[in-house]
Amino acid sequence: LQRALRRDGLSDDLRGKYEASLRELEGKSNERAQQERERHMAQKYHRVKFFDRRKVDRRIVQAERELAANPNSSSVQQKLQALRE
């Protein structure tokens, strides 16, 4: 399409159609590139997020144990509430 637009002898309607098609294709290309970047980042950080979830799960279990040992401790209750959020 870009080569066709560079030609001199194009009518205005044809030039308009080509330009519209070109804009549409460029938009689709940009959208696809954005999706590829997002997919790449999701794959890249999947393992990190998994380990972070595991870490939080361990801390929740630890806080629940502390709370079971000392049910009147408000600091442990607050810690547990913060971890669950």
PDB file of N, CA and C in Angstrom:
ATOM      1  N   LEU A   1       0.817  -1.204   0.000  1.00  0.00           N
ATOM      2  CA  LEU A   1       0.000   0.000   0.000  1.00  0.00           C
ATOM      3  C   LEU A   1       0.858   1.263   0.000  1.00  0.00           C
ATOM      4  N   GLN A   2       1.958   1.215   0.714  1.00  0.00           N
ATOM      5  CA  GLN A   2       2.810   2.404   0.759  1.00  0.00           C
ATOM      6  C   GLN A   2       3.402   2.707  -0.619  1.00  0.00           C
ATOM      7  N   ARG A   3       3.762   1.665  -1.325  1.00  0.00           N
ATOM      8  CA  ARG A   3       4.291   1.887  -2.684  1.00  0.00           C
ATOM      9  C   ARG A   3       3.208   2.442  -3.594  1.00  0.00           C
ATOM     10  N   ALA A   4       1.977   1.943  -3.428  1.00  0.00           N
ATOM     11  CA  ALA A   4       0.873   2.433  -4.255  1.00  0.00           C
ATOM     12  C   ALA A   4       0.594   3.904  -3.947  1.00  0.00           C
ATOM     13  N   LEU A   5       0.731   4.301  -2.700  1.00  0.00           N
ATOM     14  CA  LEU A   5       0.483   5.700  -2.329  1.00  0.00           C
ATOM     15  C   LEU A   5       1.571   6.630  -2.860  1.00  0.00           C
ATOM     16  N   ARG A   6       2.764   6.113  -3.085  1.00  0.00           N
ATOM     17  CA  ARG A   6       3.852   6.952  -3.605  1.00  0.00           C
ATOM     18  C   ARG A   6       3.685   7.294  -5.082  1.00  0.00           C
ATOM     19  N   ARG A   7       2.860   6.535  -5.771  1.00  0.00           N
ATOM     20  CA  ARG A   7       2.651   6.808  -7.208  1.00  0.00           C
ATOM     21  C   ARG A   7       1.917   8.135  -7.394  1.00  0.00           C
ATOM     22  N   ASP A   8       2.225   8.824  -8.476  1.00  0.00           N
ATOM     23  CA  ASP A   8       1.646  10.148  -8.724  1.00  0.00           C
ATOM     24  C   ASP A   8       0.262  10.098  -9.341  1.00  0.00           C
ATOM     25  N   GLY A   9      -0.028   9.154 -10.155  1.00  0.00           N
ATOM     26  CA  GLY A   9      -1.247   9.189 -10.942  1.00  0.00           C
ATOM     27  C   GLY A   9      -2.473   8.594 -10.248  1.00  0.00           C
ATOM     28  N   LEU A  10      -2.551   8.596  -8.945  1.00  0.00           N
ATOM     29  CA  LEU A  10      -3.701   8.012  -8.235  1.00  0.00           C
ATOM     30  C   LEU A  10      -4.850   9.006  -8.121  1.00  0.00           C
ATOM     31  N   SER A  11      -6.062   8.503  -8.272  1.00  0.00           N
ATOM     32  CA  SER A  11      -7.222   9.380  -8.081  1.00  0.00           C
ATOM     33  C   SER A  11      -7.416   9.608  -6.572  1.00  0.00           C
ATOM     34  N   ASP A  12      -8.167  10.643  -6.249  1.00  0.00           N
ATOM     35  CA  ASP A  12      -8.363  10.996  -4.843  1.00  0.00           C
ATOM     36  C   ASP A  12      -9.118   9.914  -4.075  1.00  0.00           C
ATOM     37  N   ASP A  13     -10.125   9.270  -4.717  1.00  0.00           N
ATOM     38  CA  ASP A  13     -10.876   8.236  -3.985  1.00  0.00           C
ATOM     39  C   ASP A  13      -9.980   7.035  -3.694  1.00  0.00           C
ATOM     40  N   LEU A  14      -9.205   6.641  -4.692  1.00  0.00           N
ATOM     41  CA  LEU A  14      -8.326   5.485  -4.507  1.00  0.00           C
ATOM     42  C   LEU A  14      -7.267   5.790  -3.456  1.00  0.00           C
ATOM     43  N   ARG A  15      -6.731   6.999  -3.501  1.00  0.00           N
ATOM     44  CA  ARG A  15      -5.727   7.403  -2.500  1.00  0.00           C
ATOM     45  C   ARG A  15      -6.355   7.370  -1.105  1.00  0.00           C
ATOM     46  N   GLY A  16      -7.581   7.837  -0.965  1.00  0.00           N
ATOM     47  CA  GLY A  16      -8.266   7.830   0.325  1.00  0.00           C
ATOM     48  C   GLY A  16      -8.491   6.411   0.831  1.00  0.00           C
ATOM     49  N   LYS A  17      -8.891   5.517  -0.080  1.00  0.00           N
ATOM     50  CA  LYS A  17      -9.095   4.111   0.302  1.00  0.00           C
ATOM     51  C   LYS A  17      -7.785   3.474   0.761  1.00  0.00           C
ATOM     52  N   TYR A  18      -6.716   3.738   0.009  1.00  0.00           N
ATOM     53  CA  TYR A  18      -5.418   3.170   0.371  1.00  0.00           C
ATOM     54  C   TYR A  18      -4.943   3.705   1.722  1.00  0.00           C
ATOM     55  N   GLU A  19      -5.125   4.996   1.940  1.00  0.00           N
ATOM     56  CA  GLU A  19      -4.694   5.587   3.211  1.00  0.00           C
ATOM     57  C   GLU A  19      -5.493   5.012   4.380  1.00  0.00           C
ATOM     58  N   ALA A  20      -6.805   4.828   4.182  1.00  0.00           N
ATOM     59  CA  ALA A  20      -7.640   4.244   5.236  1.00  0.00           C
ATOM     60  C   ALA A  20      -7.203   2.811   5.527  1.00  0.00           C
ATOM     61  N   SER A  21      -6.937   2.054   4.472  1.00  0.00           N
ATOM     62  CA  SER A  21      -6.483   0.671   4.647  1.00  0.00           C
ATOM     63  C   SER A  21      -5.143   0.637   5.370  1.00  0.00           C
ATOM     64  N   LEU A  22      -4.260   1.544   5.001  1.00  0.00           N
ATOM     65  CA  LEU A  22      -2.938   1.600   5.620  1.00  0.00           C
ATOM     66  C   LEU A  22      -3.055   1.935   7.109  1.00  0.00           C
ATOM     67  N   ARG A  23      -3.889   2.912   7.446  1.00  0.00           N
ATOM     68  CA  ARG A  23      -4.091   3.268   8.864  1.00  0.00           C
ATOM     69  C   ARG A  23      -4.637   2.086   9.651  1.00  0.00           C
ATOM     70  N   GLU A  24      -5.594   1.378   9.058  1.00  0.00           N
ATOM     71  CA  GLU A  24      -6.190   0.224   9.724  1.00  0.00           C
ATOM     72  C   GLU A  24      -5.141  -0.863   9.966  1.00  0.00           C
ATOM     73  N   LEU A  25      -4.333  -1.141   8.959  1.00  0.00           N
ATOM     74  CA  LEU A  25      -3.302  -2.170   9.101  1.00  0.00           C
ATOM     75  C   LEU A  25      -2.237  -1.775  10.125  1.00  0.00           C
ATOM     76  N   GLU A  26      -1.872  -0.491  10.129  1.00  0.00           N
ATOM     77  CA  GLU A  26      -0.896  -0.036  11.115  1.00  0.00           C
ATOM     78  C   GLU A  26      -1.459  -0.143  12.530  1.00  0.00           C
ATOM     79  N   GLY A  27      -2.738   0.162  12.689  1.00  0.00           N
ATOM     80  CA  GLY A  27      -3.374   0.023  13.996  1.00  0.00           C
ATOM     81  C   GLY A  27      -3.383  -1.416  14.470  1.00  0.00           C
ATOM     82  N   LYS A  28      -3.715  -2.331  13.553  1.00  0.00           N
ATOM     83  CA  LYS A  28      -3.708  -3.753  13.907  1.00  0.00           C
ATOM     84  C   LYS A  28      -2.299  -4.214  14.262  1.00  0.00           C
ATOM     85  N   SER A  29      -1.320  -3.717  13.524  1.00  0.00           N
ATOM     86  CA  SER A  29       0.067  -4.094  13.786  1.00  0.00           C
ATOM     87  C   SER A  29       0.505  -3.604  15.167  1.00  0.00           C
ATOM     88  N   ASN A  30       0.168  -2.368  15.500  1.00  0.00           N
ATOM     89  CA  ASN A  30       0.528  -1.827  16.810  1.00  0.00           C
ATOM     90  C   ASN A  30      -0.166  -2.593  17.936  1.00  0.00           C
ATOM     91  N   GLU A  31      -1.424  -2.938  17.712  1.00  0.00           N
ATOM     92  CA  GLU A  31      -2.187  -3.691  18.715  1.00  0.00           C
ATOM     93  C   GLU A  31      -1.551  -5.065  18.929  1.00  0.00           C
ATOM     94  N   ARG A  32      -1.173  -5.699  17.865  1.00  0.00           N
ATOM     95  CA  ARG A  32      -0.537  -7.030  17.957  1.00  0.00           C
ATOM     96  C   ARG A  32       0.795  -6.944  18.684  1.00  0.00           C
ATOM     97  N   ALA A  33       1.572  -5.909  18.403  1.00  0.00           N
ATOM     98  CA  ALA A  33       2.859  -5.733  19.077  1.00  0.00           C
ATOM     99  C   ALA A  33       2.645  -5.530  20.578  1.00  0.00           C
ATOM    100  N   GLN A  34       1.619  -4.770  20.950  1.00  0.00           N
ATOM    101  CA  GLN A  34       1.310  -4.542  22.358  1.00  0.00           C
ATOM    102  C   GLN A  34       0.921  -5.858  23.034  1.00  0.00           C
ATOM    103  N   GLN A  35       0.115  -6.662  22.365  1.00  0.00           N
ATOM    104  CA  GLN A  35      -0.290  -7.957  22.918  1.00  0.00           C
ATOM    105  C   GLN A  35       0.918  -8.871  23.099  1.00  0.00           C
ATOM    106  N   GLU A  36       1.822  -8.845  22.146  1.00  0.00           N
ATOM    107  CA  GLU A  36       3.034  -9.668  22.247  1.00  0.00           C
ATOM    108  C   GLU A  36       3.881  -9.231  23.434  1.00  0.00           C
ATOM    109  N   ARG A  37       4.019  -7.900  23.633  1.00  0.00           N
ATOM    110  CA  ARG A  37       4.787  -7.393  24.774  1.00  0.00           C
ATOM    111  C   ARG A  37       4.153  -7.828  26.086  1.00  0.00           C
ATOM    112  N   GLU A  38       2.816  -7.710  26.180  1.00  0.00           N
ATOM    113  CA  GLU A  38       2.118  -8.104  27.408  1.00  0.00           C
ATOM    114  C   GLU A  38       2.279  -9.601  27.663  1.00  0.00           C
ATOM    115  N   ARG A  39       2.177 -10.413  26.629  1.00  0.00           N
ATOM    116  CA  ARG A  39       2.330 -11.858  26.776  1.00  0.00           C
ATOM    117  C   ARG A  39       3.742 -12.201  27.232  1.00  0.00           C
ATOM    118  N   HIS A  40       4.725 -11.522  26.652  1.00  0.00           N
ATOM    119  CA  HIS A  40       6.118 -11.760  27.024  1.00  0.00           C
ATOM    120  C   HIS A  40       6.360 -11.411  28.492  1.00  0.00           C
ATOM    121  N   MET A  41       5.825 -10.275  28.923  1.00  0.00           N
ATOM    122  CA  MET A  41       6.009  -9.860  30.318  1.00  0.00           C
ATOM    123  C   MET A  41       5.296 -10.818  31.266  1.00  0.00           C
ATOM    124  N   ALA A  42       4.119 -11.292  30.890  1.00  0.00           N
ATOM    125  CA  ALA A  42       3.386 -12.236  31.729  1.00  0.00           C
ATOM    126  C   ALA A  42       4.178 -13.520  31.888  1.00  0.00           C
ATOM    127  N   GLN A  43       4.776 -14.003  30.809  1.00  0.00           N
ATOM    128  CA  GLN A  43       5.595 -15.212  30.896  1.00  0.00           C
ATOM    129  C   GLN A  43       6.858 -14.967  31.709  1.00  0.00           C
ATOM    130  N   LYS A  44       7.438 -13.809  31.534  1.00  0.00           N
ATOM    131  CA  LYS A  44       8.693 -13.490  32.200  1.00  0.00           C
ATOM    132  C   LYS A  44       8.521 -13.444  33.715  1.00  0.00           C
ATOM    133  N   TYR A  45       7.424 -12.867  34.176  1.00  0.00           N
ATOM    134  CA  TYR A  45       7.240 -12.675  35.617  1.00  0.00           C
ATOM    135  C   TYR A  45       6.316 -13.715  36.247  1.00  0.00           C
ATOM    136  N   HIS A  46       5.915 -14.728  35.498  1.00  0.00           N
ATOM    137  CA  HIS A  46       5.039 -15.765  36.039  1.00  0.00           C
ATOM    138  C   HIS A  46       5.691 -16.473  37.223  1.00  0.00           C
ATOM    139  N   ARG A  47       6.941 -16.824  37.091  1.00  0.00           N
ATOM    140  CA  ARG A  47       7.655 -17.537  38.155  1.00  0.00           C
ATOM    141  C   ARG A  47       7.812 -16.660  39.392  1.00  0.00           C
ATOM    142  N   VAL A  48       8.130 -15.395  39.195  1.00  0.00           N
ATOM    143  CA  VAL A  48       8.305 -14.472  40.310  1.00  0.00           C
ATOM    144  C   VAL A  48       7.000 -14.322  41.086  1.00  0.00           C
ATOM    145  N   LYS A  49       5.892 -14.150  40.358  1.00  0.00           N
ATOM    146  CA  LYS A  49       4.597 -14.011  41.021  1.00  0.00           C
ATOM    147  C   LYS A  49       4.237 -15.280  41.780  1.00  0.00           C
ATOM    148  N   PHE A  50       4.587 -16.447  41.224  1.00  0.00           N
ATOM    149  CA  PHE A  50       4.311 -17.718  41.887  1.00  0.00           C
ATOM    150  C   PHE A  50       5.042 -17.770  43.229  1.00  0.00           C
ATOM    151  N   PHE A  51       6.327 -17.420  43.242  1.00  0.00           N
ATOM    152  CA  PHE A  51       7.083 -17.468  44.486  1.00  0.00           C
ATOM    153  C   PHE A  51       6.596 -16.429  45.482  1.00  0.00           C
ATOM    154  N   ASP A  52       6.174 -15.273  45.006  1.00  0.00           N
ATOM    155  CA  ASP A  52       5.613 -14.267  45.909  1.00  0.00           C
ATOM    156  C   ASP A  52       4.337 -14.777  46.570  1.00  0.00           C
ATOM    157  N   ARG A  53       3.488 -15.456  45.788  1.00  0.00           N
ATOM    158  CA  ARG A  53       2.271 -16.035  46.366  1.00  0.00           C
ATOM    159  C   ARG A  53       2.609 -17.075  47.419  1.00  0.00           C
ATOM    160  N   ARG A  54       3.605 -17.915  47.137  1.00  0.00           N
ATOM    161  CA  ARG A  54       4.017 -18.938  48.093  1.00  0.00           C
ATOM    162  C   ARG A  54       4.521 -18.299  49.383  1.00  0.00           C
ATOM    163  N   LYS A  55       5.287 -17.219  49.245  1.00  0.00           N
ATOM    164  CA  LYS A  55       5.827 -16.522  50.404  1.00  0.00           C
ATOM    165  C   LYS A  55       4.701 -15.970  51.278  1.00  0.00           C
ATOM    166  N   VAL A  56       3.711 -15.357  50.641  1.00  0.00           N
ATOM    167  CA  VAL A  56       2.579 -14.799  51.382  1.00  0.00           C
ATOM    168  C   VAL A  56       1.776 -15.912  52.046  1.00  0.00           C
ATOM    169  N   ASP A  57       1.594 -17.025  51.348  1.00  0.00           N
ATOM    170  CA  ASP A  57       0.873 -18.159  51.937  1.00  0.00           C
ATOM    171  C   ASP A  57       1.584 -18.666  53.192  1.00  0.00           C
ATOM    172  N   ARG A  58       2.906 -18.775  53.135  1.00  0.00           N
ATOM    173  CA  ARG A  58       3.666 -19.227  54.314  1.00  0.00           C
ATOM    174  C   ARG A  58       3.517 -18.254  55.474  1.00  0.00           C
ATOM    175  N   ARG A  59       3.551 -16.960  55.172  1.00  0.00           N
ATOM    176  CA  ARG A  59       3.407 -15.959  56.239  1.00  0.00           C
ATOM    177  C   ARG A  59       2.011 -15.995  56.855  1.00  0.00           C
ATOM    178  N   ILE A  60       0.995 -16.268  56.046  1.00  0.00           N
ATOM    179  CA  ILE A  60      -0.369 -16.382  56.577  1.00  0.00           C
ATOM    180  C   ILE A  60      -0.464 -17.566  57.525  1.00  0.00           C
ATOM    181  N   VAL A  61       0.093 -18.699  57.122  1.00  0.00           N
ATOM    182  CA  VAL A  61       0.070 -19.887  57.971  1.00  0.00           C
ATOM    183  C   VAL A  61       0.818 -19.616  59.270  1.00  0.00           C
ATOM    184  N   GLN A  62       1.949 -18.954  59.180  1.00  0.00           N
ATOM    185  CA  GLN A  62       2.737 -18.629  60.367  1.00  0.00           C
ATOM    186  C   GLN A  62       1.942 -17.700  61.295  1.00  0.00           C
ATOM    187  N   ALA A  63       1.271 -16.712  60.733  1.00  0.00           N
ATOM    188  CA  ALA A  63       0.478 -15.788  61.552  1.00  0.00           C
ATOM    189  C   ALA A  63      -0.701 -16.513  62.193  1.00  0.00           C
ATOM    190  N   GLU A  64      -1.308 -17.451  61.471  1.00  0.00           N
ATOM    191  CA  GLU A  64      -2.417 -18.222  62.041  1.00  0.00           C
ATOM    192  C   GLU A  64      -1.935 -19.075  63.210  1.00  0.00           C
ATOM    193  N   ARG A  65      -0.743 -19.640  63.092  1.00  0.00           N
ATOM    194  CA  ARG A  65      -0.173 -20.414  64.207  1.00  0.00           C
ATOM    195  C   ARG A  65       0.072 -19.519  65.417  1.00  0.00           C
ATOM    196  N   GLU A  66       0.644 -18.343  65.168  1.00  0.00           N
ATOM    197  CA  GLU A  66       0.894 -17.403  66.266  1.00  0.00           C
ATOM    198  C   GLU A  66      -0.420 -17.004  66.927  1.00  0.00           C
ATOM    199  N   LEU A  67      -1.445 -16.806  66.134  1.00  0.00           N
ATOM    200  CA  LEU A  67      -2.750 -16.419  66.670  1.00  0.00           C
ATOM    201  C   LEU A  67      -3.364 -17.558  67.484  1.00  0.00           C
ATOM    202  N   ALA A  68      -3.175 -18.789  67.030  1.00  0.00           N
ATOM    203  CA  ALA A  68      -3.692 -19.943  67.780  1.00  0.00           C
ATOM    204  C   ALA A  68      -2.969 -20.077  69.112  1.00  0.00           C
ATOM    205  N   ALA A  69      -1.674 -19.757  69.137  1.00  0.00           N
ATOM    206  CA  ALA A  69      -0.901 -19.841  70.378  1.00  0.00           C
ATOM    207  C   ALA A  69      -1.244 -18.698  71.323  1.00  0.00           C
ATOM    208  N   ASN A  70      -1.559 -17.541  70.775  1.00  0.00           N
ATOM    209  CA  ASN A  70      -1.850 -16.362  71.591  1.00  0.00           C
ATOM    210  C   ASN A  70      -3.064 -15.649  70.994  1.00  0.00           C
ATOM    211  N   PRO A  71      -4.284 -16.104  71.320  1.00  0.00           N
ATOM    212  CA  PRO A  71      -5.487 -15.559  70.667  1.00  0.00           C
ATOM    213  C   PRO A  71      -5.812 -14.105  71.022  1.00  0.00           C
ATOM    214  N   ASN A  72      -5.235 -13.563  72.062  1.00  0.00           N
ATOM    215  CA  ASN A  72      -5.562 -12.193  72.483  1.00  0.00           C
ATOM    216  C   ASN A  72      -4.636 -11.141  71.889  1.00  0.00           C
ATOM    217  N   SER A  73      -3.674 -11.549  71.094  1.00  0.00           N
ATOM    218  CA  SER A  73      -2.702 -10.617  70.531  1.00  0.00           C
ATOM    219  C   SER A  73      -3.320  -9.851  69.351  1.00  0.00           C
ATOM    220  N   SER A  74      -3.460  -8.554  69.537  1.00  0.00           N
ATOM    221  CA  SER A  74      -4.053  -7.733  68.471  1.00  0.00           C
ATOM    222  C   SER A  74      -3.057  -7.486  67.335  1.00  0.00           C
ATOM    223  N   SER A  75      -1.762  -7.442  67.656  1.00  0.00           N
ATOM    224  CA  SER A  75      -0.770  -7.211  66.606  1.00  0.00           C
ATOM    225  C   SER A  75      -0.736  -8.370  65.619  1.00  0.00           C
ATOM    226  N   VAL A  76      -0.893  -9.606  66.104  1.00  0.00           N
ATOM    227  CA  VAL A  76      -0.910 -10.767  65.217  1.00  0.00           C
ATOM    228  C   VAL A  76      -2.177 -10.745  64.366  1.00  0.00           C
ATOM    229  N   GLN A  77      -3.295 -10.331  64.955  1.00  0.00           N
ATOM    230  CA  GLN A  77      -4.546 -10.239  64.199  1.00  0.00           C
ATOM    231  C   GLN A  77      -4.439  -9.205  63.089  1.00  0.00           C
ATOM    232  N   GLN A  78      -3.826  -8.075  63.394  1.00  0.00           N
ATOM    233  CA  GLN A  78      -3.636  -7.035  62.381  1.00  0.00           C
ATOM    234  C   GLN A  78      -2.706  -7.516  61.271  1.00  0.00           C
ATOM    235  N   LYS A  79      -1.646  -8.224  61.671  1.00  0.00           N
ATOM    236  CA  LYS A  79      -0.692  -8.762  60.682  1.00  0.00           C
ATOM    237  C   LYS A  79      -1.398  -9.752  59.756  1.00  0.00           C
ATOM    238  N   LEU A  80      -2.216 -10.624  60.332  1.00  0.00           N
ATOM    239  CA  LEU A  80      -2.935 -11.611  59.551  1.00  0.00           C
ATOM    240  C   LEU A  80      -3.925 -10.936  58.598  1.00  0.00           C
ATOM    241  N   GLN A  81      -4.616  -9.922  59.090  1.00  0.00           N
ATOM    242  CA  GLN A  81      -5.572  -9.187  58.254  1.00  0.00           C
ATOM    243  C   GLN A  81      -4.864  -8.513  57.066  1.00  0.00           C
ATOM    244  N   ALA A  82      -3.694  -7.932  57.339  1.00  0.00           N
ATOM    245  CA  ALA A  82      -2.936  -7.259  56.276  1.00  0.00           C
ATOM    246  C   ALA A  82      -2.454  -8.269  55.227  1.00  0.00           C
ATOM    247  N   LEU A  83      -2.051  -9.456  55.659  1.00  0.00           N
ATOM    248  CA  LEU A  83      -1.567 -10.460  54.715  1.00  0.00           C
ATOM    249  C   LEU A  83      -2.690 -10.998  53.855  1.00  0.00           C
ATOM    250  N   ARG A  84      -3.872 -11.087  54.390  1.00  0.00           N
ATOM    251  CA  ARG A  84      -4.990 -11.617  53.624  1.00  0.00           C
ATOM    252  C   ARG A  84      -5.488 -10.648  52.560  1.00  0.00           C
ATOM    253  N   GLU A  85      -5.160  -9.403  52.686  1.00  0.00           N
ATOM    254  CA  GLU A  85      -5.572  -8.402  51.688  1.00  0.00           C
ATOM    255  C   GLU A  85      -4.669  -8.443  50.540  1.00  0.00           C
TER     256      GLU A  85
END
